Amino acid sequence: MPEHGGNLRDAMRRYGRSDWIDLSAGLNPVWYPAPVLAGNAWHRLPEPDPALVDAACAYYGAHRMLPVAGTQAAIQALPRLRAPSRVVIAAPSYAEHAHHWAQHGHSATQVPYAGLAAAVDGCDVLVVCNPNNPTGATVPRAQLLAWATTLAQRGGWLVVDEAFADTDGAQSVADCADQPALIVLRSVGKFFGLAGIRLGFVAAQPDLLAALDELLGPWQVSGPAQQVGKAALFDRPWQRTTRDRLLHDGRRLAQLLAAHGIESAGTALFQWWPEREPERFHEHMARRGIWVRLFRDGPRGIRVGLPPDEAAWARLELALNEWTKESR
């Protein structure tokens, strides 16, 4: 199983202490305030709520969407809906894509973002995170739609994972997912900071959504998750305020890293950079109770999310000051 951020118990087991700042997962550190749930949310079987789908379609701009128990559920299921295919996954990328497409008889190849255009003609399925996790790289919307058209001509798919697209949706193609070949994944966990409720959405043509729904089975999304997700997706004032704050804090994080000689890239929710000695940086931060995401393989590097408050910003700055002094 690939490594992921958010594994704070690993940090506690290895280093002890209880005052951790978890910057490893790239989530909004100020999560959506979940409303009080109706009592029967815990009692009734979670039959699908059409209002949740309406909220998602309105928020993401899609024509139709299928709620799933986090986009991870769709990532694991989509490879099972195709006969063995030639699959290209943009690299580096969210590791679960390559992990699951490599199974079920598919021929999976990882290709750098710069080489994707040349790889389209030789594949049946192309998988792209946009913005990319962990680098923040983006592919222009027009390019994605052109690739989808090319793949559609031979019954192929373009899978676009837009988990980090909420703060800047200019390149999103969710509104075009009713066209052949295009499958778009959206996550409630990142922007809303609600990874724990396991809620995501898939936008695609009706027949593909029906096949995915059948494969995943009934009661995919819990009753509490449906109620909380619906409230979050409808709450426009909270979304506007949060988007402004995250964009501000994202710039602040990039500037803080640059002040310590770290040239990073990313999104409003995280910064990533190739690090010559990522294990040493990771260890340095862990010894100070700051848990960052270590990338050991592929492009070796570090990803850092947003601190939740001023005290955490101060601790991060102090740790960076000490790192800079030690590295001279």
C-alpha atoms as a PDB file:
ATOM      1  CA  MET A   1       0.000   0.000   0.000  1.00  0.00           C
ATOM      2  CA  PRO A   2       1.459   3.442  -0.896  1.00  0.00           C
ATOM      3  CA  GLU A   3       2.472   5.861   1.844  1.00  0.00           C
ATOM      4  CA  HIS A   4       0.241   8.854   2.594  1.00  0.00           C
ATOM      5  CA  GLY A   5       0.221  11.972   4.692  1.00  0.00           C
ATOM      6  CA  GLY A   6      -2.018  12.285   7.721  1.00  0.00           C
ATOM      7  CA  ASN A   7      -0.380   9.288   9.410  1.00  0.00           C
ATOM      8  CA  LEU A   8       0.140  11.124  12.688  1.00  0.00           C
ATOM      9  CA  ARG A   9      -0.006   7.956  14.778  1.00  0.00           C
ATOM     10  CA  ASP A  10       3.218   6.875  13.098  1.00  0.00           C
ATOM     11  CA  ALA A  11       4.837  10.088  14.294  1.00  0.00           C
ATOM     12  CA  MET A  12       3.582   9.572  17.831  1.00  0.00           C
ATOM     13  CA  ARG A  13       4.809   5.982  17.942  1.00  0.00           C
ATOM     14  CA  ARG A  14       8.258   6.941  16.727  1.00  0.00           C
ATOM     15  CA  TYR A  15       8.882  10.281  18.434  1.00  0.00           C
ATOM     16  CA  GLY A  16       6.428  10.452  21.321  1.00  0.00           C
ATOM     17  CA  ARG A  17       5.140  13.916  22.365  1.00  0.00           C
ATOM     18  CA  SER A  18       1.558  15.068  22.038  1.00  0.00           C
ATOM     19  CA  ASP A  19       1.867  18.621  20.696  1.00  0.00           C
ATOM     20  CA  TRP A  20       2.122  17.744  17.023  1.00  0.00           C
ATOM     21  CA  ILE A  21       1.451  20.136  14.162  1.00  0.00           C
ATOM     22  CA  ASP A  22       0.319  17.947  11.286  1.00  0.00           C
ATOM     23  CA  LEU A  23       1.260  19.551   7.956  1.00  0.00           C
ATOM     24  CA  SER A  24       1.531  16.256   6.103  1.00  0.00           C
ATOM     25  CA  ALA A  25      -1.848  15.878   4.399  1.00  0.00           C
ATOM     26  CA  GLY A  26      -2.414  19.162   2.550  1.00  0.00           C
ATOM     27  CA  LEU A  27      -5.880  19.706   4.038  1.00  0.00           C
ATOM     28  CA  ASN A  28      -7.563  22.961   4.976  1.00  0.00           C
ATOM     29  CA  PRO A  29      -6.553  23.208   8.664  1.00  0.00           C
ATOM     30  CA  VAL A  30      -9.733  25.134   9.528  1.00  0.00           C
ATOM     31  CA  TRP A  31     -12.378  22.622   8.588  1.00  0.00           C
ATOM     32  CA  TYR A  32     -16.025  23.261   7.831  1.00  0.00           C
ATOM     33  CA  PRO A  33     -18.041  23.410  11.081  1.00  0.00           C
ATOM     34  CA  ALA A  34     -20.272  20.366  10.843  1.00  0.00           C
ATOM     35  CA  PRO A  35     -23.925  21.142  11.666  1.00  0.00           C
ATOM     36  CA  VAL A  36     -25.946  19.295  14.265  1.00  0.00           C
ATOM     37  CA  LEU A  37     -27.174  16.115  12.617  1.00  0.00           C
ATOM     38  CA  ALA A  38     -30.706  14.835  12.515  1.00  0.00           C
ATOM     39  CA  GLY A  39     -30.995  11.992  14.999  1.00  0.00           C
ATOM     40  CA  ASN A  40     -32.010   9.454  12.386  1.00  0.00           C
ATOM     41  CA  ALA A  41     -28.721  10.009  10.513  1.00  0.00           C
ATOM     42  CA  TRP A  42     -27.282   7.347  12.815  1.00  0.00           C
ATOM     43  CA  HIS A  43     -30.278   5.054  12.593  1.00  0.00           C
ATOM     44  CA  ARG A  44     -31.553   4.872   9.028  1.00  0.00           C
ATOM     45  CA  LEU A  45     -29.806   3.087   6.199  1.00  0.00           C
ATOM     46  CA  PRO A  46     -28.184   5.883   4.145  1.00  0.00           C
ATOM     47  CA  GLU A  47     -30.348   5.882   1.034  1.00  0.00           C
ATOM     48  CA  PRO A  48     -29.032   8.385  -1.545  1.00  0.00           C
ATOM     49  CA  ASP A  49     -30.180  11.965  -0.996  1.00  0.00           C
ATOM     50  CA  PRO A  50     -30.935  13.739  -4.314  1.00  0.00           C
ATOM     51  CA  ALA A  51     -30.335  17.077  -2.588  1.00  0.00           C
ATOM     52  CA  LEU A  52     -26.709  16.089  -1.994  1.00  0.00           C
ATOM     53  CA  VAL A  53     -26.232  15.452  -5.712  1.00  0.00           C
ATOM     54  CA  ASP A  54     -27.936  18.773  -6.517  1.00  0.00           C
ATOM     55  CA  ALA A  55     -25.586  20.566  -4.102  1.00  0.00           C
ATOM     56  CA  ALA A  56     -22.542  18.892  -5.643  1.00  0.00           C
ATOM     57  CA  CYS A  57     -23.576  19.635  -9.225  1.00  0.00           C
ATOM     58  CA  ALA A  58     -24.215  23.283  -8.363  1.00  0.00           C
ATOM     59  CA  TYR A  59     -20.904  23.657  -6.518  1.00  0.00           C
ATOM     60  CA  TYR A  60     -18.694  21.822  -9.025  1.00  0.00           C
ATOM     61  CA  GLY A  61     -20.561  22.958 -12.148  1.00  0.00           C
ATOM     62  CA  ALA A  62     -21.206  19.398 -13.316  1.00  0.00           C
ATOM     63  CA  HIS A  63     -24.318  18.063 -15.056  1.00  0.00           C
ATOM     64  CA  ARG A  64     -24.495  14.823 -13.061  1.00  0.00           C
ATOM     65  CA  MET A  65     -22.445  13.306 -10.274  1.00  0.00           C
ATOM     66  CA  LEU A  66     -22.221  10.122  -8.244  1.00  0.00           C
ATOM     67  CA  PRO A  67     -21.437  10.464  -4.519  1.00  0.00           C
ATOM     68  CA  VAL A  68     -18.804   7.981  -3.340  1.00  0.00           C
ATOM     69  CA  ALA A  69     -17.093   7.179  -0.049  1.00  0.00           C
ATOM     70  CA  GLY A  70     -14.163   9.423  -0.869  1.00  0.00           C
ATOM     71  CA  THR A  71     -12.611   9.549  -4.328  1.00  0.00           C
ATOM     72  CA  GLN A  72     -10.377   6.715  -3.165  1.00  0.00           C
ATOM     73  CA  ALA A  73     -13.358   4.404  -3.695  1.00  0.00           C
ATOM     74  CA  ALA A  74     -13.594   5.473  -7.337  1.00  0.00           C
ATOM     75  CA  ILE A  75      -9.822   5.268  -7.859  1.00  0.00           C
ATOM     76  CA  GLN A  76      -9.922   1.643  -6.733  1.00  0.00           C
ATOM     77  CA  ALA A  77     -13.024   0.759  -8.753  1.00  0.00           C
ATOM     78  CA  LEU A  78     -12.464   2.424 -12.142  1.00  0.00           C
ATOM     79  CA  PRO A  79      -9.736  -0.026 -13.285  1.00  0.00           C
ATOM     80  CA  ARG A  80     -12.242  -2.845 -12.769  1.00  0.00           C
ATOM     81  CA  LEU A  81     -14.664  -1.301 -15.280  1.00  0.00           C
ATOM     82  CA  ARG A  82     -12.364  -1.750 -18.295  1.00  0.00           C
ATOM     83  CA  ALA A  83     -10.853  -4.654 -20.160  1.00  0.00           C
ATOM     84  CA  PRO A  84      -7.044  -4.724 -19.982  1.00  0.00           C
ATOM     85  CA  SER A  85      -5.860  -1.401 -21.388  1.00  0.00           C
ATOM     86  CA  ARG A  86      -2.769   0.686 -22.017  1.00  0.00           C
ATOM     87  CA  VAL A  87      -2.788   3.221 -19.188  1.00  0.00           C
ATOM     88  CA  VAL A  88      -0.613   6.296 -18.758  1.00  0.00           C
ATOM     89  CA  ILE A  89      -0.510   7.998 -15.360  1.00  0.00           C
ATOM     90  CA  ALA A  90       1.055  11.445 -15.011  1.00  0.00           C
ATOM     91  CA  ALA A  91       4.088  11.357 -12.726  1.00  0.00           C
ATOM     92  CA  PRO A  92       4.761  12.242 -10.037  1.00  0.00           C
ATOM     93  CA  SER A  93       1.189  11.940  -8.866  1.00  0.00           C
ATOM     94  CA  TYR A  94      -1.117  10.665  -6.150  1.00  0.00           C
ATOM     95  CA  ALA A  95       0.310   7.177  -5.735  1.00  0.00           C
ATOM     96  CA  GLU A  96      -3.016   5.335  -5.511  1.00  0.00           C
ATOM     97  CA  HIS A  97      -3.721   5.891  -9.209  1.00  0.00           C
ATOM     98  CA  ALA A  98      -0.677   3.981 -10.438  1.00  0.00           C
ATOM     99  CA  HIS A  99      -1.058   1.406  -7.671  1.00  0.00           C
ATOM    100  CA  HIS A 100      -4.563   0.369  -8.749  1.00  0.00           C
ATOM    101  CA  TRP A 101      -4.218   0.692 -12.524  1.00  0.00           C
ATOM    102  CA  ALA A 102      -1.227  -1.637 -12.365  1.00  0.00           C
ATOM    103  CA  GLN A 103      -3.612  -4.344 -11.225  1.00  0.00           C
ATOM    104  CA  HIS A 104      -6.510  -6.025 -13.063  1.00  0.00           C
ATOM    105  CA  GLY A 105      -4.469  -6.849 -16.175  1.00  0.00           C
ATOM    106  CA  HIS A 106      -3.721  -3.289 -17.288  1.00  0.00           C
ATOM    107  CA  SER A 107      -0.390  -2.135 -18.683  1.00  0.00           C
ATOM    108  CA  ALA A 108       0.338   0.975 -16.595  1.00  0.00           C
ATOM    109  CA  THR A 109       3.129   3.432 -17.360  1.00  0.00           C
ATOM    110  CA  GLN A 110       4.043   6.590 -15.476  1.00  0.00           C
ATOM    111  CA  VAL A 111       5.000   9.539 -17.681  1.00  0.00           C
ATOM    112  CA  PRO A 112       6.257  12.994 -16.609  1.00  0.00           C
ATOM    113  CA  TYR A 113       3.816  15.852 -17.132  1.00  0.00           C
ATOM    114  CA  ALA A 114       6.031  17.244 -19.887  1.00  0.00           C
ATOM    115  CA  GLY A 115       5.646  14.010 -21.850  1.00  0.00           C
ATOM    116  CA  LEU A 116       1.872  13.553 -21.617  1.00  0.00           C
ATOM    117  CA  ALA A 117       1.002  15.133 -24.971  1.00  0.00           C
ATOM    118  CA  ALA A 118       3.286  12.704 -26.761  1.00  0.00           C
ATOM    119  CA  ALA A 119       1.904   9.758 -24.787  1.00  0.00           C
ATOM    120  CA  VAL A 120      -1.795  10.298 -25.570  1.00  0.00           C
ATOM    121  CA  ASP A 121      -1.710   8.577 -28.953  1.00  0.00           C
ATOM    122  CA  GLY A 122      -0.244   5.436 -27.438  1.00  0.00           C
ATOM    123  CA  CYS A 123      -2.681   4.833 -24.594  1.00  0.00           C
ATOM    124  CA  ASP A 124      -6.293   3.928 -23.939  1.00  0.00           C
ATOM    125  CA  VAL A 125      -6.549   5.639 -20.550  1.00  0.00           C
ATOM    126  CA  LEU A 126      -4.788   8.783 -19.367  1.00  0.00           C
ATOM    127  CA  VAL A 127      -4.866   9.730 -15.665  1.00  0.00           C
ATOM    128  CA  VAL A 128      -3.986  13.279 -14.611  1.00  0.00           C
ATOM    129  CA  CYS A 129      -4.178  15.082 -11.252  1.00  0.00           C
ATOM    130  CA  ASN A 130      -5.018  18.719 -11.960  1.00  0.00           C
ATOM    131  CA  PRO A 131      -3.643  20.520  -9.976  1.00  0.00           C
ATOM    132  CA  ASN A 132      -1.101  17.821  -9.366  1.00  0.00           C
ATOM    133  CA  ASN A 133      -0.469  16.280  -5.999  1.00  0.00           C
ATOM    134  CA  PRO A 134       2.295  16.759  -4.881  1.00  0.00           C
ATOM    135  CA  THR A 135       3.870  19.323  -7.244  1.00  0.00           C
ATOM    136  CA  GLY A 136       0.938  21.659  -7.937  1.00  0.00           C
ATOM    137  CA  ALA A 137       1.545  21.452 -11.703  1.00  0.00           C
ATOM    138  CA  THR A 138      -1.495  22.112 -13.893  1.00  0.00           C
ATOM    139  CA  VAL A 139      -2.593  21.168 -17.387  1.00  0.00           C
ATOM    140  CA  PRO A 140      -4.634  23.825 -19.254  1.00  0.00           C
ATOM    141  CA  ARG A 141      -8.335  23.096 -19.585  1.00  0.00           C
ATOM    142  CA  ALA A 142      -8.207  23.327 -23.391  1.00  0.00           C
ATOM    143  CA  GLN A 143      -5.463  20.688 -23.505  1.00  0.00           C
ATOM    144  CA  LEU A 144      -7.442  18.304 -21.298  1.00  0.00           C
ATOM    145  CA  LEU A 145     -10.541  18.656 -23.458  1.00  0.00           C
ATOM    146  CA  ALA A 146      -8.494  18.024 -26.614  1.00  0.00           C
ATOM    147  CA  TRP A 147      -7.046  14.862 -25.060  1.00  0.00           C
ATOM    148  CA  ALA A 148     -10.535  13.720 -24.079  1.00  0.00           C
ATOM    149  CA  THR A 149     -11.692  14.133 -27.678  1.00  0.00           C
ATOM    150  CA  THR A 150      -8.729  12.107 -28.952  1.00  0.00           C
ATOM    151  CA  LEU A 151      -9.289   9.307 -26.438  1.00  0.00           C
ATOM    152  CA  ALA A 152     -13.046   9.220 -27.103  1.00  0.00           C
ATOM    153  CA  GLN A 153     -12.408   8.351 -30.746  1.00  0.00           C
ATOM    154  CA  ARG A 154     -11.053   4.948 -29.698  1.00  0.00           C
ATOM    155  CA  GLY A 155     -13.251   4.316 -26.657  1.00  0.00           C
ATOM    156  CA  GLY A 156     -10.633   5.552 -24.213  1.00  0.00           C
ATOM    157  CA  TRP A 157     -10.856   7.513 -20.979  1.00  0.00           C
ATOM    158  CA  LEU A 158      -9.337  10.661 -19.572  1.00  0.00           C
ATOM    159  CA  VAL A 159      -9.497  10.518 -15.767  1.00  0.00           C
ATOM    160  CA  VAL A 160      -8.920  13.931 -14.176  1.00  0.00           C
ATOM    161  CA  ASP A 161      -8.460  14.041 -10.408  1.00  0.00           C
ATOM    162  CA  GLU A 162      -9.408  17.566  -9.292  1.00  0.00           C
ATOM    163  CA  ALA A 163      -9.080  17.000  -5.545  1.00  0.00           C
ATOM    164  CA  PHE A 164      -7.155  20.267  -5.098  1.00  0.00           C
ATOM    165  CA  ALA A 165      -9.045  22.411  -7.639  1.00  0.00           C
ATOM    166  CA  ASP A 166     -11.406  24.227  -5.243  1.00  0.00           C
ATOM    167  CA  THR A 167      -9.241  27.278  -4.573  1.00  0.00           C
ATOM    168  CA  ASP A 168      -8.648  27.963  -8.276  1.00  0.00           C
ATOM    169  CA  GLY A 169     -11.009  26.169 -10.618  1.00  0.00           C
ATOM    170  CA  ALA A 170      -9.960  27.918 -13.817  1.00  0.00           C
ATOM    171  CA  GLN A 171      -8.688  24.676 -15.354  1.00  0.00           C
ATOM    172  CA  SER A 172     -11.513  22.447 -14.099  1.00  0.00           C
ATOM    173  CA  VAL A 173     -13.304  20.306 -16.678  1.00  0.00           C
ATOM    174  CA  ALA A 174     -16.057  19.080 -14.361  1.00  0.00           C
ATOM    175  CA  ASP A 175     -18.641  21.018 -16.376  1.00  0.00           C
ATOM    176  CA  CYS A 176     -17.681  19.015 -19.488  1.00  0.00           C
ATOM    177  CA  ALA A 177     -17.825  15.542 -17.955  1.00  0.00           C
ATOM    178  CA  ASP A 178     -20.986  14.685 -19.853  1.00  0.00           C
ATOM    179  CA  GLN A 179     -18.887  14.306 -23.018  1.00  0.00           C
ATOM    180  CA  PRO A 180     -17.464  10.899 -23.991  1.00  0.00           C
ATOM    181  CA  ALA A 181     -14.216   9.693 -22.384  1.00  0.00           C
ATOM    182  CA  LEU A 182     -14.062  12.289 -19.604  1.00  0.00           C
ATOM    183  CA  ILE A 183     -14.218  11.239 -15.932  1.00  0.00           C
ATOM    184  CA  VAL A 184     -13.672  13.849 -13.218  1.00  0.00           C
ATOM    185  CA  LEU A 185     -13.047  13.156  -9.534  1.00  0.00           C
ATOM    186  CA  ARG A 186     -13.767  15.775  -6.846  1.00  0.00           C
ATOM    187  CA  SER A 187     -13.088  15.585  -3.119  1.00  0.00           C
ATOM    188  CA  VAL A 188     -14.778  17.182  -0.118  1.00  0.00           C
ATOM    189  CA  GLY A 189     -11.800  16.304   2.076  1.00  0.00           C
ATOM    190  CA  LYS A 190      -9.257  18.922   0.948  1.00  0.00           C
ATOM    191  CA  PHE A 191     -10.868  22.367   0.626  1.00  0.00           C
ATOM    192  CA  PHE A 192     -13.527  21.718   3.262  1.00  0.00           C
ATOM    193  CA  GLY A 193     -11.048  19.981   5.564  1.00  0.00           C
ATOM    194  CA  LEU A 194     -13.457  17.065   5.993  1.00  0.00           C
ATOM    195  CA  ALA A 195     -11.306  14.088   5.048  1.00  0.00           C
ATOM    196  CA  GLY A 196     -12.766  12.118   7.955  1.00  0.00           C
ATOM    197  CA  ILE A 197     -16.284  11.898   6.549  1.00  0.00           C
ATOM    198  CA  ARG A 198     -15.051  10.096   3.395  1.00  0.00           C
ATOM    199  CA  LEU A 199     -17.064  11.895   0.738  1.00  0.00           C
ATOM    200  CA  GLY A 200     -16.235  12.544  -2.885  1.00  0.00           C
ATOM    201  CA  PHE A 201     -17.968  12.766  -6.256  1.00  0.00           C
ATOM    202  CA  VAL A 202     -17.492  11.413  -9.757  1.00  0.00           C
ATOM    203  CA  ALA A 203     -18.694  13.309 -12.830  1.00  0.00           C
ATOM    204  CA  ALA A 204     -19.029  11.331 -16.062  1.00  0.00           C
ATOM    205  CA  GLN A 205     -21.550  10.106 -18.638  1.00  0.00           C
ATOM    206  CA  PRO A 206     -24.661   8.388 -17.238  1.00  0.00           C
ATOM    207  CA  ASP A 207     -23.772   4.866 -18.365  1.00  0.00           C
ATOM    208  CA  LEU A 208     -20.361   4.978 -16.722  1.00  0.00           C
ATOM    209  CA  LEU A 209     -21.784   6.402 -13.488  1.00  0.00           C
ATOM    210  CA  ALA A 210     -24.401   3.640 -13.468  1.00  0.00           C
ATOM    211  CA  ALA A 211     -21.722   0.966 -13.922  1.00  0.00           C
ATOM    212  CA  LEU A 212     -19.602   2.491 -11.164  1.00  0.00           C
ATOM    213  CA  ASP A 213     -22.610   2.726  -8.851  1.00  0.00           C
ATOM    214  CA  GLU A 214     -23.433  -0.930  -9.471  1.00  0.00           C
ATOM    215  CA  LEU A 215     -19.865  -2.010  -8.773  1.00  0.00           C
ATOM    216  CA  LEU A 216     -19.564  -0.026  -5.545  1.00  0.00           C
ATOM    217  CA  GLY A 217     -22.875  -1.299  -4.216  1.00  0.00           C
ATOM    218  CA  PRO A 218     -25.531   0.222  -1.950  1.00  0.00           C
ATOM    219  CA  TRP A 219     -25.087   2.660   0.951  1.00  0.00           C
ATOM    220  CA  GLN A 220     -21.763   3.998  -0.263  1.00  0.00           C
ATOM    221  CA  VAL A 221     -21.979   7.268   1.667  1.00  0.00           C
ATOM    222  CA  SER A 222     -23.038   7.310   5.311  1.00  0.00           C
ATOM    223  CA  GLY A 223     -26.037   9.300   6.488  1.00  0.00           C
ATOM    224  CA  PRO A 224     -23.929  11.703   8.585  1.00  0.00           C
ATOM    225  CA  ALA A 225     -21.543  12.273   5.669  1.00  0.00           C
ATOM    226  CA  GLN A 226     -24.452  13.109   3.375  1.00  0.00           C
ATOM    227  CA  GLN A 227     -25.877  15.662   5.817  1.00  0.00           C
ATOM    228  CA  VAL A 228     -22.542  17.352   6.544  1.00  0.00           C
ATOM    229  CA  GLY A 229     -21.504  17.324   2.886  1.00  0.00           C
ATOM    230  CA  LYS A 230     -24.776  18.856   1.744  1.00  0.00           C
ATOM    231  CA  ALA A 231     -24.461  21.698   4.267  1.00  0.00           C
ATOM    232  CA  ALA A 232     -20.859  22.403   3.238  1.00  0.00           C
ATOM    233  CA  LEU A 233     -21.579  22.381  -0.496  1.00  0.00           C
ATOM    234  CA  PHE A 234     -24.510  24.783  -0.138  1.00  0.00           C
ATOM    235  CA  ASP A 235     -22.689  27.239   2.183  1.00  0.00           C
ATOM    236  CA  ARG A 236     -21.519  29.907  -0.257  1.00  0.00           C
ATOM    237  CA  PRO A 237     -20.502  32.543   2.347  1.00  0.00           C
ATOM    238  CA  TRP A 238     -18.211  30.064   4.126  1.00  0.00           C
ATOM    239  CA  GLN A 239     -16.743  28.978   0.792  1.00  0.00           C
ATOM    240  CA  ARG A 240     -15.925  32.564  -0.271  1.00  0.00           C
ATOM    241  CA  THR A 241     -14.313  33.469   3.056  1.00  0.00           C
ATOM    242  CA  THR A 242     -12.360  30.225   3.155  1.00  0.00           C
ATOM    243  CA  ARG A 243     -11.105  30.540  -0.414  1.00  0.00           C
ATOM    244  CA  ASP A 244      -9.751  34.044   0.293  1.00  0.00           C
ATOM    245  CA  ARG A 245      -8.052  32.871   3.499  1.00  0.00           C
ATOM    246  CA  LEU A 246      -6.463  29.835   1.873  1.00  0.00           C
ATOM    247  CA  LEU A 247      -5.117  31.857  -1.060  1.00  0.00           C
ATOM    248  CA  HIS A 248      -3.601  34.348   1.404  1.00  0.00           C
ATOM    249  CA  ASP A 249      -2.095  31.621   3.581  1.00  0.00           C
ATOM    250  CA  GLY A 250      -0.791  29.731   0.561  1.00  0.00           C
ATOM    251  CA  ARG A 251       1.148  32.806  -0.547  1.00  0.00           C
ATOM    252  CA  ARG A 252       2.376  33.298   3.022  1.00  0.00           C
ATOM    253  CA  LEU A 253       3.717  29.737   3.153  1.00  0.00           C
ATOM    254  CA  ALA A 254       5.511  30.079  -0.186  1.00  0.00           C
ATOM    255  CA  GLN A 255       7.083  33.357   0.964  1.00  0.00           C
ATOM    256  CA  LEU A 256       8.168  31.852   4.276  1.00  0.00           C
ATOM    257  CA  LEU A 257       9.907  28.974   2.515  1.00  0.00           C
ATOM    258  CA  ALA A 258      11.515  31.324  -0.020  1.00  0.00           C
ATOM    259  CA  ALA A 259      12.917  33.414   2.830  1.00  0.00           C
ATOM    260  CA  HIS A 260      14.830  30.291   3.865  1.00  0.00           C
ATOM    261  CA  GLY A 261      16.138  29.559   0.393  1.00  0.00           C
ATOM    262  CA  ILE A 262      13.505  26.950  -0.488  1.00  0.00           C
ATOM    263  CA  GLU A 263      12.119  27.316  -4.010  1.00  0.00           C
ATOM    264  CA  SER A 264       8.751  25.601  -3.811  1.00  0.00           C
ATOM    265  CA  ALA A 265       5.640  25.148  -5.937  1.00  0.00           C
ATOM    266  CA  GLY A 266       2.146  24.012  -5.097  1.00  0.00           C
ATOM    267  CA  THR A 267      -1.419  25.151  -4.511  1.00  0.00           C
ATOM    268  CA  ALA A 268      -3.136  27.286  -1.896  1.00  0.00           C
ATOM    269  CA  LEU A 269      -3.191  24.222   0.376  1.00  0.00           C
ATOM    270  CA  PHE A 270       0.412  23.006   0.177  1.00  0.00           C
ATOM    271  CA  GLN A 271       3.933  23.639  -1.072  1.00  0.00           C
ATOM    272  CA  TRP A 272       6.294  21.028  -2.484  1.00  0.00           C
ATOM    273  CA  TRP A 273       9.949  21.081  -3.440  1.00  0.00           C
ATOM    274  CA  PRO A 274      12.655  18.593  -4.444  1.00  0.00           C
ATOM    275  CA  GLU A 275      14.940  18.210  -1.447  1.00  0.00           C
ATOM    276  CA  ARG A 276      18.487  16.861  -1.708  1.00  0.00           C
ATOM    277  CA  GLU A 277      18.214  15.204   1.691  1.00  0.00           C
ATOM    278  CA  PRO A 278      14.470  14.852   2.327  1.00  0.00           C
ATOM    279  CA  GLU A 279      14.930  12.311   5.128  1.00  0.00           C
ATOM    280  CA  ARG A 280      17.128  14.762   7.040  1.00  0.00           C
ATOM    281  CA  PHE A 281      14.641  17.610   6.633  1.00  0.00           C
ATOM    282  CA  HIS A 282      11.772  15.334   7.652  1.00  0.00           C
ATOM    283  CA  GLU A 283      13.688  14.188  10.744  1.00  0.00           C
ATOM    284  CA  HIS A 284      14.589  17.782  11.650  1.00  0.00           C
ATOM    285  CA  MET A 285      10.938  18.812  11.614  1.00  0.00           C
ATOM    286  CA  ALA A 286       9.728  15.685  13.404  1.00  0.00           C
ATOM    287  CA  ARG A 287      12.131  16.298  16.278  1.00  0.00           C
ATOM    288  CA  ARG A 288      10.348  19.629  16.732  1.00  0.00           C
ATOM    289  CA  GLY A 289       6.847  18.177  16.629  1.00  0.00           C
ATOM    290  CA  ILE A 290       6.101  19.175  13.028  1.00  0.00           C
ATOM    291  CA  TRP A 291       4.956  16.354  10.746  1.00  0.00           C
ATOM    292  CA  VAL A 292       5.585  16.988   7.038  1.00  0.00           C
ATOM    293  CA  ARG A 293       5.177  14.681   4.053  1.00  0.00           C
ATOM    294  CA  LEU A 294       8.318  12.865   2.986  1.00  0.00           C
ATOM    295  CA  PHE A 295       8.657  11.636  -0.616  1.00  0.00           C
ATOM    296  CA  ARG A 296      11.354   8.987  -0.771  1.00  0.00           C
ATOM    297  CA  ASP A 297      10.870   7.617  -4.287  1.00  0.00           C
ATOM    298  CA  GLY A 298      10.507   9.144  -7.720  1.00  0.00           C
ATOM    299  CA  PRO A 299      11.293  12.820  -7.312  1.00  0.00           C
ATOM    300  CA  ARG A 300      12.576  12.937  -3.737  1.00  0.00           C
ATOM    301  CA  GLY A 301      11.114  15.879  -1.889  1.00  0.00           C
ATOM    302  CA  ILE A 302       8.991  17.402   0.841  1.00  0.00           C
ATOM    303  CA  ARG A 303       5.385  18.610   0.911  1.00  0.00           C
ATOM    304  CA  VAL A 304       4.208  21.005   3.613  1.00  0.00           C
ATOM    305  CA  GLY A 305       0.602  22.021   4.310  1.00  0.00           C
ATOM    306  CA  LEU A 306      -0.763  25.128   5.988  1.00  0.00           C
ATOM    307  CA  PRO A 307      -0.310  25.737   9.733  1.00  0.00           C
ATOM    308  CA  PRO A 308      -3.651  26.014  11.566  1.00  0.00           C
ATOM    309  CA  ASP A 309      -2.938  29.113  13.687  1.00  0.00           C
ATOM    310  CA  GLU A 310      -0.353  31.777  14.541  1.00  0.00           C
ATOM    311  CA  ALA A 311       1.320  29.612  17.176  1.00  0.00           C
ATOM    312  CA  ALA A 312       1.866  26.916  14.559  1.00  0.00           C
ATOM    313  CA  TRP A 313       3.201  29.457  12.052  1.00  0.00           C
ATOM    314  CA  ALA A 314       5.690  30.629  14.678  1.00  0.00           C
ATOM    315  CA  ARG A 315       6.860  27.065  15.405  1.00  0.00           C
ATOM    316  CA  LEU A 316       7.287  26.360  11.700  1.00  0.00           C
ATOM    317  CA  GLU A 317       9.308  29.542  11.222  1.00  0.00           C
ATOM    318  CA  LEU A 318      11.524  28.712  14.196  1.00  0.00           C
ATOM    319  CA  ALA A 319      12.138  25.192  12.870  1.00  0.00           C
ATOM    320  CA  LEU A 320      13.025  26.612   9.442  1.00  0.00           C
ATOM    321  CA  ASN A 321      15.406  29.109  11.041  1.00  0.00           C
ATOM    322  CA  GLU A 322      17.173  26.247  12.787  1.00  0.00           C
ATOM    323  CA  TRP A 323      17.258  24.190   9.587  1.00  0.00           C
ATOM    324  CA  THR A 324      18.838  27.077   7.683  1.00  0.00           C
ATOM    325  CA  LYS A 325      21.531  27.517  10.323  1.00  0.00           C
ATOM    326  CA  GLU A 326      22.304  23.776  10.399  1.00  0.00           C
ATOM    327  CA  SER A 327      22.520  23.609   6.593  1.00  0.00           C
ATOM    328  CA  ARG A 328      25.061  26.377   6.151  1.00  0.00           C
END
